[in-house]
N, C-alpha and C. Protein backbone atom coordinates (compact mmCIF):
# COMPACT_ATOMS: atom_id res chain seq x y z
N UNK A 1 -9.53 -21.44 -25.14
CA UNK A 1 -9.15 -21.22 -23.87
C UNK A 1 -9.01 -20.49 -22.82
N UNK A 2 -9.13 -20.84 -21.90
CA UNK A 2 -9.54 -19.61 -20.82
C UNK A 2 -8.70 -18.28 -20.46
N UNK A 3 -9.57 -17.27 -20.54
CA UNK A 3 -8.76 -16.11 -20.56
C UNK A 3 -8.46 -15.58 -18.82
N UNK A 4 -7.19 -15.66 -18.58
CA UNK A 4 -6.73 -14.96 -17.26
C UNK A 4 -7.52 -14.04 -16.78
N UNK A 5 -7.81 -13.04 -17.26
CA UNK A 5 -9.21 -12.59 -16.21
C UNK A 5 -10.27 -12.77 -16.09
N UNK A 6 -11.20 -13.96 -16.79
CA UNK A 6 -11.63 -14.21 -16.63
C UNK A 6 -12.61 -15.17 -15.66
N UNK A 7 -13.18 -15.46 -15.09
CA UNK A 7 -14.16 -16.81 -14.40
C UNK A 7 -15.41 -16.79 -15.17
N UNK A 8 -15.67 -18.65 -14.08
CA UNK A 8 -16.17 -19.09 -15.28
C UNK A 8 -17.49 -19.01 -14.64
N UNK A 9 -19.21 -18.97 -15.09
CA UNK A 9 -20.42 -19.33 -14.45
C UNK A 9 -20.80 -20.78 -14.22
N UNK A 10 -20.95 -21.17 -13.08
CA UNK A 10 -21.47 -22.85 -13.22
C UNK A 10 -22.89 -22.54 -13.74
N UNK A 11 -23.20 -23.18 -14.97
CA UNK A 11 -24.43 -23.29 -15.56
C UNK A 11 -24.80 -24.90 -15.70
N UNK A 12 -25.36 -25.75 -15.04
CA UNK A 12 -25.56 -27.61 -15.32
C UNK A 12 -26.35 -27.62 -16.34
N UNK A 13 -27.09 -26.90 -17.14
CA UNK A 13 -27.70 -27.27 -17.60
C UNK A 13 -27.56 -27.90 -19.05
N UNK A 14 -27.93 -28.92 -19.20
CA UNK A 14 -27.35 -29.94 -20.51
C UNK A 14 -27.21 -29.11 -21.57
N UNK A 15 -26.03 -29.35 -22.36
CA UNK A 15 -25.71 -28.28 -23.42
C UNK A 15 -25.36 -27.11 -23.05
N UNK A 16 -25.38 -26.40 -21.92
CA UNK A 16 -24.88 -25.05 -21.50
C UNK A 16 -23.57 -24.62 -21.49
N UNK A 17 -22.64 -24.01 -22.36
CA UNK A 17 -21.63 -23.81 -22.29
C UNK A 17 -21.35 -22.84 -21.18
N UNK A 18 -20.28 -22.90 -19.90
CA UNK A 18 -20.12 -22.00 -19.16
C UNK A 18 -19.92 -20.49 -20.22
N UNK A 19 -20.32 -19.18 -19.63
CA UNK A 19 -19.76 -18.07 -19.81
C UNK A 19 -18.99 -17.28 -19.20
N UNK A 20 -17.90 -16.76 -20.34
CA UNK A 20 -17.23 -15.71 -19.13
C UNK A 20 -17.64 -14.84 -18.61
N UNK A 21 -17.24 -14.45 -17.27
CA UNK A 21 -17.46 -13.37 -16.46
C UNK A 21 -16.16 -12.49 -16.24
N UNK A 22 -16.11 -11.25 -16.25
CA UNK A 22 -14.83 -10.16 -16.21
C UNK A 22 -14.76 -10.38 -14.58
N UNK A 23 -13.30 -10.50 -14.62
CA UNK A 23 -12.98 -10.95 -12.88
C UNK A 23 -12.61 -9.37 -12.36
N UNK A 24 -13.53 -8.91 -11.84
CA UNK A 24 -13.52 -7.35 -11.52
C UNK A 24 -12.92 -7.35 -10.28
N UNK A 25 -12.47 -5.79 -10.35
CA UNK A 25 -11.58 -5.41 -8.91
C UNK A 25 -12.50 -3.89 -8.60
N UNK A 26 -12.52 -3.62 -7.76
CA UNK A 26 -12.63 -2.27 -7.13
C UNK A 26 -11.33 -1.95 -6.86
N UNK A 27 -11.08 -0.43 -7.28
CA UNK A 27 -9.41 -0.02 -6.81
C UNK A 27 -9.81 1.52 -5.99
N UNK A 28 -9.07 0.92 -4.89
CA UNK A 28 -9.40 2.60 -4.30
C UNK A 28 -8.12 3.42 -4.10
N UNK A 29 -8.01 4.91 -4.83
CA UNK A 29 -6.89 5.51 -4.46
C UNK A 29 -7.54 6.81 -3.06
N UNK A 30 -6.02 6.70 -3.31
CA UNK A 30 -6.89 8.28 -1.54
C UNK A 30 -5.00 8.68 -0.93
N UNK A 31 -5.14 9.61 -0.12
CA UNK A 31 -3.47 9.79 0.90
C UNK A 31 -4.24 9.50 1.85
N UNK A 32 -2.86 8.98 2.85
CA UNK A 32 -3.01 8.34 3.90
C UNK A 32 -3.97 8.77 4.37
N UNK A 33 -4.68 8.21 5.67
CA UNK A 33 -5.73 8.59 6.35
C UNK A 33 -6.86 9.44 6.09
N UNK A 34 -6.72 8.87 4.72
CA UNK A 34 -8.35 9.21 4.04
C UNK A 34 -9.69 8.60 3.79
N UNK A 35 -9.11 7.18 5.11
CA UNK A 35 -10.49 6.87 5.04
C UNK A 35 -10.40 5.08 3.45
N UNK A 36 -9.40 5.18 3.01
CA UNK A 36 -9.45 4.04 2.31
C UNK A 36 -9.38 2.72 2.77
N UNK A 37 -9.36 2.04 3.42
CA UNK A 37 -9.25 0.76 4.51
C UNK A 37 -10.75 0.52 4.67
N UNK A 38 -11.06 2.02 5.69
CA UNK A 38 -12.87 1.62 6.35
C UNK A 38 -13.50 1.61 4.89
N UNK A 39 -13.15 2.42 3.87
CA UNK A 39 -14.25 2.28 2.71
C UNK A 39 -14.28 1.12 2.13
N UNK A 40 -13.01 0.35 2.13
CA UNK A 40 -12.80 -1.39 1.44
C UNK A 40 -13.65 -1.86 2.10
N UNK A 41 -13.52 -2.13 3.64
CA UNK A 41 -14.00 -2.96 4.34
C UNK A 41 -15.64 -2.61 3.91
N UNK A 42 -16.61 -1.60 4.03
CA UNK A 42 -17.79 -0.87 4.10
C UNK A 42 -18.63 -1.70 2.79
N UNK A 43 -17.53 -1.92 1.67
CA UNK A 43 -18.03 -1.81 0.13
C UNK A 43 -17.81 -3.69 0.39
N UNK A 44 -16.66 -4.40 1.09
CA UNK A 44 -16.90 -5.55 1.12
C UNK A 44 -18.67 -6.16 2.02
N UNK A 45 -18.25 -5.55 3.29
CA UNK A 45 -19.38 -6.12 4.06
C UNK A 45 -21.05 -5.73 3.32
N UNK A 46 -21.42 -4.40 2.54
CA UNK A 46 -22.02 -4.56 1.85
C UNK A 46 -22.30 -5.40 0.72
N UNK A 47 -21.21 -5.77 -0.15
CA UNK A 47 -21.75 -6.77 -1.32
C UNK A 47 -21.68 -8.25 -0.38
N UNK A 48 -21.19 -8.42 0.67
CA UNK A 48 -21.19 -9.81 1.05
C UNK A 48 -22.91 -10.09 1.65
N UNK A 49 -23.21 -8.59 2.19
CA UNK A 49 -24.95 -8.69 2.48
C UNK A 49 -25.88 -9.41 1.26
N UNK A 50 -24.94 -8.93 -0.35
CA UNK A 50 -25.68 -9.11 -1.75
C UNK A 50 -25.10 -10.26 -2.11
N UNK A 51 -24.83 -11.22 -1.24
CA UNK A 51 -24.17 -12.35 -1.26
C UNK A 51 -23.13 -12.45 -2.62
N UNK A 52 -22.40 -11.22 -2.32
CA UNK A 52 -21.31 -11.67 -3.56
C UNK A 52 -19.58 -12.15 -2.56
N UNK A 53 -19.56 -12.70 -2.82
CA UNK A 53 -18.09 -12.65 -1.95
C UNK A 53 -17.02 -12.15 -2.90
N UNK A 54 -16.36 -11.49 -1.83
CA UNK A 54 -15.38 -10.28 -2.49
C UNK A 54 -14.24 -10.19 -1.32
N UNK A 55 -12.79 -10.47 -1.93
CA UNK A 55 -11.63 -10.52 -0.94
C UNK A 55 -11.09 -8.59 -0.93
N UNK A 56 -10.76 -8.75 0.01
CA UNK A 56 -10.14 -7.25 0.76
C UNK A 56 -8.34 -7.50 0.45
N UNK A 57 -7.98 -6.70 -0.35
CA UNK A 57 -6.79 -6.84 -1.05
C UNK A 57 -6.14 -5.49 -0.59
N UNK A 58 -4.78 -5.32 -0.13
CA UNK A 58 -3.61 -4.10 -0.21
C UNK A 58 -2.47 -4.77 -0.89
N UNK A 59 -2.46 -4.17 -1.89
CA UNK A 59 -0.84 -4.16 -2.47
C UNK A 59 -0.06 -3.89 -1.33
N UNK A 60 0.08 -3.03 -0.16
CA UNK A 60 1.07 -2.93 0.34
C UNK A 60 0.97 -4.26 1.11
N UNK A 61 0.02 -5.48 1.57
CA UNK A 61 0.02 -6.70 2.23
C UNK A 61 1.31 -7.01 2.33
N UNK A 62 2.01 -7.50 0.93
CA UNK A 62 3.45 -8.08 0.74
C UNK A 62 4.44 -7.21 1.15
N UNK A 63 4.25 -5.93 0.68
CA UNK A 63 5.57 -5.28 0.99
C UNK A 63 5.67 -5.12 2.81
N UNK A 64 4.73 -5.23 3.41
CA UNK A 64 4.38 -5.46 4.81
C UNK A 64 5.13 -6.86 5.22
N UNK A 65 4.73 -7.85 4.57
CA UNK A 65 5.49 -9.14 5.00
C UNK A 65 6.70 -9.13 4.30
N UNK A 66 6.95 -8.71 3.92
CA UNK A 66 9.01 -8.35 3.12
C UNK A 66 9.43 -7.81 4.34
N UNK A 67 9.07 -6.53 5.00
CA UNK A 67 9.10 -5.90 6.24
C UNK A 67 9.52 -6.59 7.38
N UNK A 68 8.39 -7.45 7.58
CA UNK A 68 8.48 -7.86 8.80
C UNK A 68 9.42 -9.00 9.04
N UNK A 69 9.89 -9.48 8.07
CA UNK A 69 11.20 -10.71 7.65
C UNK A 69 12.28 -9.75 8.82
N UNK A 70 12.79 -8.54 8.62
CA UNK A 70 13.35 -8.25 9.65
C UNK A 70 12.93 -7.48 10.84
N UNK A 71 11.53 -6.99 10.98
CA UNK A 71 10.93 -6.45 12.25
C UNK A 71 9.97 -6.98 12.47
N UNK A 72 9.97 -8.88 12.78
CA UNK A 72 8.56 -9.24 13.11
C UNK A 72 7.38 -8.43 14.10
N UNK A 73 7.77 -8.24 14.89
CA UNK A 73 7.12 -7.34 16.17
C UNK A 73 7.66 -6.30 16.55
N UNK A 74 6.74 -5.57 17.28
CA UNK A 74 7.79 -4.50 18.31
C UNK A 74 8.37 -5.44 19.99
N UNK A 75 8.94 -4.34 20.46
CA UNK A 75 9.02 -5.30 21.81
C UNK A 75 7.91 -5.42 22.45
N UNK A 76 7.07 -5.04 22.55
CA UNK A 76 5.24 -5.03 23.27
C UNK A 76 4.78 -6.37 22.65
N UNK A 77 5.53 -6.69 21.60
CA UNK A 77 4.81 -8.08 20.74
C UNK A 77 3.65 -7.45 19.62
N UNK A 78 3.01 -6.20 19.52
CA UNK A 78 2.67 -5.56 18.76
C UNK A 78 3.31 -5.71 16.91
N UNK A 79 1.94 -5.61 15.87
CA UNK A 79 2.46 -5.32 14.60
C UNK A 79 3.18 -3.93 14.37
N UNK A 80 4.32 -4.08 14.17
CA UNK A 80 4.96 -2.64 13.19
C UNK A 80 3.79 -1.63 12.23
N UNK A 81 3.52 -2.73 11.53
CA UNK A 81 3.28 -2.03 10.42
C UNK A 81 1.74 -2.32 10.65
N UNK A 82 0.76 -2.28 11.74
CA UNK A 82 -0.11 -1.83 12.05
C UNK A 82 -0.79 -0.34 12.11
N UNK A 83 -2.11 -0.02 11.68
CA UNK A 83 -2.79 0.77 11.20
C UNK A 83 -2.09 2.11 12.52
N UNK A 84 -2.06 1.60 13.69
CA UNK A 84 -2.04 1.75 15.15
C UNK A 84 -0.42 2.37 15.61
N UNK A 85 0.21 1.42 14.73
CA UNK A 85 1.68 1.76 15.15
C UNK A 85 2.55 2.32 14.47
N UNK A 86 2.31 1.88 12.97
CA UNK A 86 3.00 2.53 11.78
C UNK A 86 3.43 3.97 11.31
N UNK A 87 2.72 5.03 11.91
CA UNK A 87 3.09 6.58 11.79
C UNK A 87 3.61 6.90 13.28
N UNK A 88 3.89 6.55 14.28
CA UNK A 88 4.50 6.71 15.63
C UNK A 88 5.92 5.99 15.15
N UNK A 89 6.85 7.29 15.96
CA UNK A 89 8.19 6.41 15.95
C UNK A 89 8.58 5.66 17.09
N UNK A 90 8.89 4.10 16.46
CA UNK A 90 9.16 3.10 17.24
C UNK A 90 10.63 2.92 17.88
N UNK A 91 10.99 2.31 18.64
CA UNK A 91 12.04 1.49 19.20
C UNK A 91 12.16 0.15 18.36
N UNK A 92 12.51 -0.03 17.35
CA UNK A 92 12.26 -1.75 16.74
C UNK A 92 12.90 -2.68 17.93
N UNK A 93 14.01 -2.72 18.57
CA UNK A 93 14.21 -3.33 18.90
C UNK A 93 14.47 -3.46 20.98
N UNK A 94 13.88 -2.44 21.12
CA UNK A 94 14.05 -2.21 22.19
C UNK A 94 15.18 -1.43 23.20
N UNK A 95 16.32 -1.28 22.34
CA UNK A 95 17.46 -1.05 23.20
C UNK A 95 18.08 0.19 22.32
N UNK A 96 16.90 1.12 21.98
CA UNK A 96 17.31 2.60 21.35
C UNK A 96 18.86 2.90 20.29
N UNK A 97 18.89 1.57 20.04
CA UNK A 97 19.60 1.84 19.04
C UNK A 97 18.96 1.71 17.20
N UNK A 98 18.01 1.56 17.18
CA UNK A 98 17.30 1.16 15.81
C UNK A 98 15.83 1.93 16.08
N UNK A 99 15.51 3.27 16.06
CA UNK A 99 14.36 4.28 15.77
C UNK A 99 14.05 4.48 14.94
N UNK A 100 12.67 4.82 14.28
CA UNK A 100 11.93 4.88 13.09
C UNK A 100 10.60 4.87 13.04
N UNK A 101 10.01 5.47 12.05
CA UNK A 101 8.73 5.35 11.95
C UNK A 101 8.36 4.70 10.61
N UNK A 102 7.51 2.91 11.29
CA UNK A 102 7.74 2.11 10.12
C UNK A 102 6.84 2.30 8.94
N UNK A 103 6.00 3.50 8.55
CA UNK A 103 5.62 3.77 8.02
C UNK A 103 7.04 4.31 6.71
N UNK A 104 7.76 5.00 7.53
CA UNK A 104 8.92 5.23 6.54
C UNK A 104 10.11 3.92 6.20
N UNK A 105 9.86 2.96 7.39
CA UNK A 105 10.57 2.03 6.56
C UNK A 105 9.90 1.45 5.28
N UNK A 106 8.56 1.34 5.36
CA UNK A 106 7.65 0.85 4.11
C UNK A 106 7.74 1.36 2.75
N UNK A 107 8.27 2.85 2.76
CA UNK A 107 8.36 3.49 1.65
C UNK A 107 9.96 3.52 1.52
N UNK A 108 10.88 3.53 2.16
CA UNK A 108 11.99 3.31 1.33
C UNK A 108 12.16 2.27 1.09
N UNK A 109 11.97 0.62 1.33
CA UNK A 109 11.77 -0.70 0.37
C UNK A 109 10.83 -0.60 -0.50
N UNK A 110 9.54 0.16 -0.27
CA UNK A 110 8.96 0.43 -1.44
C UNK A 110 9.75 1.21 -2.43
N UNK A 111 10.15 2.20 -2.29
CA UNK A 111 11.10 2.77 -3.36
C UNK A 111 12.04 1.95 -3.70
N UNK A 112 12.81 1.53 -3.24
CA UNK A 112 14.32 0.27 -3.85
C UNK A 112 13.86 -0.26 -4.79
N UNK A 113 12.06 -0.78 -4.36
CA UNK A 113 11.65 -2.17 -5.45
C UNK A 113 11.28 -1.16 -6.90
N UNK A 114 10.82 0.04 -6.08
CA UNK A 114 9.94 0.49 -7.40
C UNK A 114 11.18 0.97 -8.71
N UNK A 115 12.09 1.07 -8.29
CA UNK A 115 13.00 1.61 -9.22
C UNK A 115 13.33 0.77 -10.26
N UNK A 116 13.17 -0.56 -10.20
CA UNK A 116 13.02 -1.39 -11.21
C UNK A 116 11.70 -1.29 -12.28
N UNK A 117 10.89 -0.43 -11.70
CA UNK A 117 9.73 0.04 -12.54
C UNK A 117 8.49 -1.30 -12.98
N UNK A 118 8.17 -2.38 -12.36
CA UNK A 118 8.27 -3.55 -12.49
C UNK A 118 6.41 -3.93 -11.41
N UNK A 119 6.65 -2.77 -10.18
CA UNK A 119 5.04 -2.87 -9.46
C UNK A 119 4.89 -4.38 -9.19
N UNK A 120 5.91 -4.36 -8.56
CA UNK A 120 6.31 -6.28 -7.47
C UNK A 120 5.47 -6.26 -6.84
N UNK A 121 5.16 -5.56 -5.89
CA UNK A 121 4.47 -5.62 -4.85
C UNK A 121 2.74 -6.05 -5.59
N UNK A 122 2.68 -4.87 -6.18
CA UNK A 122 1.19 -4.84 -6.97
C UNK A 122 0.91 -6.48 -7.81
N UNK A 123 2.15 -6.95 -8.44
CA UNK A 123 1.66 -8.11 -9.20
C UNK A 123 1.73 -9.08 -8.37
N UNK A 124 2.46 -9.22 -7.29
CA UNK A 124 2.70 -10.05 -6.05
C UNK A 124 1.11 -9.87 -5.47
N UNK A 125 0.35 -9.42 -5.49
CA UNK A 125 -0.74 -8.84 -4.64
C UNK A 125 -2.18 -9.64 -5.79
N UNK A 126 -1.78 -10.03 -6.87
CA UNK A 126 -2.46 -9.96 -7.71
C UNK A 126 -2.47 -11.62 -8.33
N UNK A 127 -1.14 -11.86 -8.07
CA UNK A 127 -0.80 -13.65 -9.01
C UNK A 127 -1.54 -14.36 -8.71
N UNK A 128 -2.17 -15.00 -9.63
CA UNK A 128 -3.14 -16.03 -9.24
C UNK A 128 -4.53 -16.13 -8.95
N UNK A 129 -4.85 -14.81 -8.80
CA UNK A 129 -6.33 -14.73 -8.31
C UNK A 129 -7.70 -14.80 -9.12
N UNK A 130 -8.28 -15.50 -8.63
CA UNK A 130 -9.36 -16.31 -9.41
C UNK A 130 -10.59 -15.75 -8.71
N UNK A 131 -10.80 -14.68 -7.51
CA UNK A 131 -11.75 -14.06 -6.71
C UNK A 131 -11.95 -12.30 -7.18
N UNK A 132 -13.00 -11.69 -7.54
CA UNK A 132 -13.07 -10.31 -7.01
C UNK A 132 -12.22 -9.99 -5.88
N UNK A 133 -12.41 -8.33 -6.10
CA UNK A 133 -11.73 -7.86 -4.63
C UNK A 133 -11.18 -6.69 -4.74
N UNK A 134 -11.58 -6.14 -3.87
CA UNK A 134 -11.60 -4.73 -2.98
C UNK A 134 -9.92 -4.11 -2.69
N UNK A 135 -9.64 -3.27 -3.58
CA UNK A 135 -7.83 -3.31 -3.21
C UNK A 135 -8.05 -1.75 -2.92
N UNK A 136 -7.49 -1.37 -1.64
CA UNK A 136 -7.34 -0.44 -0.85
C UNK A 136 -6.67 0.21 -0.49
N UNK A 137 -5.37 0.01 -1.76
CA UNK A 137 -4.12 1.04 -1.49
C UNK A 137 -3.67 1.38 -2.92
N UNK A 138 -4.43 1.48 -3.66
CA UNK A 138 -4.11 2.02 -5.47
C UNK A 138 -3.31 3.25 -4.85
N UNK A 139 -2.29 3.10 -5.34
CA UNK A 139 -1.46 4.94 -5.09
C UNK A 139 -0.57 5.49 -6.63
N UNK A 140 -0.47 4.97 -7.62
CA UNK A 140 0.49 5.48 -8.67
C UNK A 140 -0.10 5.48 -9.79
N UNK A 141 0.04 6.56 -11.06
CA UNK A 141 -0.65 6.57 -11.89
C UNK A 141 -0.49 5.29 -12.54
N UNK A 142 0.89 4.82 -12.68
CA UNK A 142 1.38 3.72 -12.80
C UNK A 142 0.38 2.33 -12.91
N UNK A 143 0.04 2.17 -11.58
CA UNK A 143 -0.78 1.68 -11.09
C UNK A 143 -2.27 1.10 -12.04
N UNK A 144 -2.39 2.28 -12.13
CA UNK A 144 -3.71 2.29 -12.64
C UNK A 144 -3.49 2.12 -14.02
N UNK A 145 -2.83 2.48 -14.57
CA UNK A 145 -2.33 2.29 -16.57
C UNK A 145 -2.56 0.41 -16.49
N UNK A 146 -1.69 -0.17 -15.56
CA UNK A 146 -1.90 -1.68 -15.43
C UNK A 146 -2.57 -2.13 -14.99
N UNK A 147 -3.49 -1.88 -14.42
CA UNK A 147 -4.88 -2.38 -14.04
C UNK A 147 -5.82 -2.61 -15.36
N UNK A 148 -5.65 -1.15 -16.06
CA UNK A 148 -6.56 -0.93 -17.07
C UNK A 148 -5.99 -1.98 -18.21
N UNK A 149 -4.99 -2.14 -18.74
CA UNK A 149 -4.29 -3.02 -19.47
C UNK A 149 -4.93 -4.16 -18.89
N UNK A 150 -4.39 -4.78 -17.57
CA UNK A 150 -4.93 -6.23 -17.33
C UNK A 150 -6.20 -6.70 -17.02
N UNK A 151 -6.89 -5.60 -16.60
CA UNK A 151 -8.68 -5.53 -16.14
C UNK A 151 -8.99 -4.72 -16.22
N UNK A 152 -9.28 -4.64 -17.53
CA UNK A 152 -10.13 -3.24 -17.94
C UNK A 152 -11.58 -2.85 -17.51
N UNK A 153 -11.98 -4.28 -16.32
CA UNK A 153 -13.56 -3.70 -15.84
C UNK A 153 -13.57 -3.77 -14.41
N UNK A 154 -12.16 -2.79 -14.25
CA UNK A 154 -11.64 -2.33 -13.10
C UNK A 154 -12.74 -1.19 -12.61
N UNK A 155 -13.42 -1.30 -11.39
CA UNK A 155 -14.30 0.03 -10.85
C UNK A 155 -13.00 1.11 -10.08
N UNK A 156 -12.37 2.12 -10.86
CA UNK A 156 -11.92 2.84 -9.63
C UNK A 156 -12.63 3.77 -8.92
N UNK A 157 -11.58 3.98 -7.23
CA UNK A 157 -12.64 4.76 -6.90
C UNK A 157 -11.61 5.69 -6.02
N UNK A 158 -11.36 6.91 -5.86
CA UNK A 158 -10.64 7.69 -5.02
C UNK A 158 -11.90 8.37 -4.07
N UNK A 159 -10.89 8.42 -2.97
CA UNK A 159 -11.63 8.98 -1.09
C UNK A 159 -10.74 10.43 -1.18
N UNK A 160 -11.29 11.27 -0.86
CA UNK A 160 -10.56 12.22 -0.69
C UNK A 160 -11.24 13.35 0.86
N UNK A 161 -9.74 13.61 1.92
CA UNK A 161 -10.53 13.86 3.17
C UNK A 161 -10.48 15.37 3.32
N UNK A 162 -11.21 15.88 4.12
CA UNK A 162 -11.50 17.84 4.13
C UNK A 162 -9.77 17.74 4.77
N UNK A 163 -9.66 17.37 5.73
CA UNK A 163 -8.92 17.19 6.57
C UNK A 163 -7.33 16.66 6.08
N UNK A 164 -6.59 16.05 4.89
CA UNK A 164 -5.69 15.31 4.29
C UNK A 164 -4.52 16.22 4.83
N UNK A 165 -3.56 15.21 5.51
CA UNK A 165 -2.01 15.09 5.67
C UNK A 165 -1.41 15.68 4.95
N UNK A 166 -0.49 16.66 5.07
CA UNK A 166 1.01 16.61 3.59
C UNK A 166 1.92 15.88 4.13
N UNK A 167 2.14 14.91 3.02
CA UNK A 167 3.16 14.05 2.70
C UNK A 167 3.78 13.86 1.40
N UNK A 168 4.90 14.28 0.86
CA UNK A 168 5.72 14.99 -0.12
C UNK A 168 5.80 13.46 -0.65
N UNK A 169 5.60 12.16 -0.02
CA UNK A 169 7.19 10.93 -0.47
C UNK A 169 6.00 10.70 -1.78
N UNK A 170 6.70 10.05 -2.64
CA UNK A 170 5.79 9.79 -4.11
C UNK A 170 4.78 8.61 -3.66
N UNK A 171 4.54 8.24 -2.78
CA UNK A 171 3.41 7.35 -2.81
C UNK A 171 2.44 8.13 -2.34
N UNK A 172 2.39 9.07 -2.03
CA UNK A 172 0.99 9.97 -1.70
C UNK A 172 0.78 10.86 -2.46
N UNK A 173 1.41 10.98 -4.07
CA UNK A 173 0.75 11.22 -4.95
C UNK A 173 -0.54 11.58 -4.88
N UNK A 174 -1.22 13.14 -5.67
CA UNK A 174 -2.73 12.86 -5.91
C UNK A 174 -2.75 12.71 -7.16
N UNK A 175 -3.95 11.85 -7.65
CA UNK A 175 -4.24 11.47 -8.85
C UNK A 175 -5.40 11.74 -9.40
N UNK A 176 -5.49 12.89 -10.53
CA UNK A 176 -6.54 13.53 -11.12
C UNK A 176 -7.89 12.94 -10.58
N UNK A 177 -8.46 13.68 -10.47
CA UNK A 177 -10.29 13.14 -10.24
C UNK A 177 -10.72 12.44 -11.71
N UNK A 178 -10.26 13.03 -12.49
CA UNK A 178 -10.75 12.48 -14.16
C UNK A 178 -10.52 10.87 -14.02
N UNK A 179 -9.57 10.18 -13.56
CA UNK A 179 -9.37 9.13 -13.94
C UNK A 179 -10.55 7.86 -13.02
N UNK A 180 -10.78 8.39 -12.41
CA UNK A 180 -11.83 7.82 -11.53
C UNK A 180 -13.45 7.60 -11.77
N UNK A 181 -13.77 6.47 -11.38
CA UNK A 181 -15.61 6.44 -12.34
C UNK A 181 -16.35 7.33 -10.54
N UNK A 182 -15.84 6.84 -9.68
CA UNK A 182 -16.03 7.76 -8.78
C UNK A 182 -15.41 8.31 -7.61
N UNK A 183 -15.60 9.40 -7.22
CA UNK A 183 -14.83 10.48 -6.34
C UNK A 183 -15.66 10.64 -4.95
N UNK A 184 -15.21 9.64 -4.01
CA UNK A 184 -16.01 10.64 -2.19
C UNK A 184 -15.26 10.93 -1.62
N UNK A 185 -15.81 11.91 -0.93
CA UNK A 185 -15.47 13.29 -0.20
C UNK A 185 -15.98 12.71 0.87
N UNK A 186 -14.87 12.79 1.92
CA UNK A 186 -14.99 11.79 3.39
C UNK A 186 -14.85 12.98 4.31
N UNK A 187 -16.08 13.37 5.07
CA UNK A 187 -16.15 14.83 5.78
C UNK A 187 -15.89 14.08 6.97
N UNK A 188 -15.64 13.07 7.36
CA UNK A 188 -15.57 12.58 9.03
C UNK A 188 -16.73 11.55 9.50
N UNK A 189 -18.13 11.68 8.69
CA UNK A 189 -18.97 10.72 9.31
C UNK A 189 -19.21 9.34 8.38
N UNK A 190 -18.76 8.39 9.50
CA UNK A 190 -19.05 6.84 9.24
C UNK A 190 -20.14 6.65 8.60
N UNK A 191 -21.71 7.30 9.56
CA UNK A 191 -22.36 6.73 8.59
C UNK A 191 -22.75 7.33 7.12
N UNK A 192 -22.09 8.69 6.63
CA UNK A 192 -22.02 9.21 5.32
C UNK A 192 -21.03 8.25 4.14
N UNK A 193 -19.79 7.54 5.08
CA UNK A 193 -19.50 7.37 4.31
C UNK A 193 -19.46 5.75 4.14
N UNK A 194 -20.50 5.27 4.63
CA UNK A 194 -21.77 4.18 4.53
C UNK A 194 -22.31 3.93 3.47
N UNK A 195 -23.12 4.80 3.39
CA UNK A 195 -23.57 5.50 2.19
C UNK A 195 -23.01 5.44 1.06
N UNK A 196 -21.63 6.47 0.91
CA UNK A 196 -20.69 6.24 -0.54
C UNK A 196 -20.90 4.32 -0.89
N UNK A 197 -20.21 3.84 0.07
CA UNK A 197 -19.98 2.17 0.15
C UNK A 197 -20.78 1.68 -0.35
N UNK A 198 -22.05 1.96 -0.19
CA UNK A 198 -23.17 1.22 -0.55
C UNK A 198 -23.28 1.23 -2.18
N UNK A 199 -23.18 2.98 -2.48
CA UNK A 199 -23.52 2.97 -4.11
C UNK A 199 -22.41 2.37 -4.96
N UNK A 200 -21.29 2.37 -4.18
CA UNK A 200 -19.56 1.73 -5.11
C UNK A 200 -20.50 0.68 -5.06
N UNK A 201 -21.10 -0.21 -4.31
CA UNK A 201 -21.06 -1.49 -4.55
C UNK A 201 -22.32 -1.94 -4.98
N UNK A 202 -22.91 -1.12 -5.13
CA UNK A 202 -24.31 -1.01 -6.30
C UNK A 202 -23.76 -1.33 -7.70
N UNK A 203 -23.05 -0.08 -8.12
CA UNK A 203 -22.47 0.30 -9.23
C UNK A 203 -21.40 -0.96 -9.21
N UNK A 204 -20.82 -1.57 -8.70
CA UNK A 204 -19.83 -3.18 -8.87
C UNK A 204 -21.03 -4.08 -9.26
N UNK A 205 -22.21 -4.33 -8.38
CA UNK A 205 -23.08 -5.37 -8.66
C UNK A 205 -23.61 -4.92 -10.39
N UNK A 206 -23.90 -3.86 -10.43
CA UNK A 206 -24.28 -3.37 -12.14
C UNK A 206 -22.64 -3.54 -13.18
N UNK A 207 -22.24 -3.71 -12.92
CA UNK A 207 -21.27 -3.94 -13.66
C UNK A 207 -20.54 -5.58 -13.65
N UNK A 208 -21.39 -5.91 -12.94
CA UNK A 208 -20.70 -7.24 -12.52
C UNK A 208 -21.63 -8.22 -13.91
N UNK A 209 -22.87 -7.64 -13.70
CA UNK A 209 -23.93 -8.16 -14.57
C UNK A 209 -23.66 -7.73 -16.12
N UNK A 210 -23.01 -6.96 -16.27
CA UNK A 210 -22.81 -6.46 -17.88
C UNK A 210 -23.19 -5.16 -18.26
N UNK A 211 -23.52 -4.05 -17.17
CA UNK A 211 -24.51 -2.75 -17.07
C UNK A 211 -23.53 -1.69 -17.30
């Protein structure tokens, strides 16, 4: 029986059974504006250069989709939950009656679901996935536990920025460095961050081939 956490290599040699290969993930943790998404995109690009097809996934994607049912766009037609808009105070409907920061809406909706303790948005993002992916927004210790139980070959990465913003919301908790295989210091240089992304990509390649 095929394990849900494995994909199968294609080998057309006569009499050769396909060998299961772990469904590998890279999961990145960091506080807001630490460079998680930028790092994830760089890793994806480095692996693409090595002919490894890997998706870019955020657990918050499904959360944003849920909130877009209420506020699909801002009055200027832009996405309220984009990186450019989510931290600024917005007049959601252009009449001054409902004003707030989209990030706070995301946090409030996530909190409501989180009370059930089932990680619904994380599970929704990973449901039915058959390709490796880079997860750009690992936020909770519980998420690490879930990933380790269900996807034990996950490569856990933490990114820290020297000028991190203070936010006391639960989703901005700092997880101990000891939980991660790689800890990256983001000091603002894209060139330096790209070097770190290459290192992560190389380590992922080694894990992919069982080293």
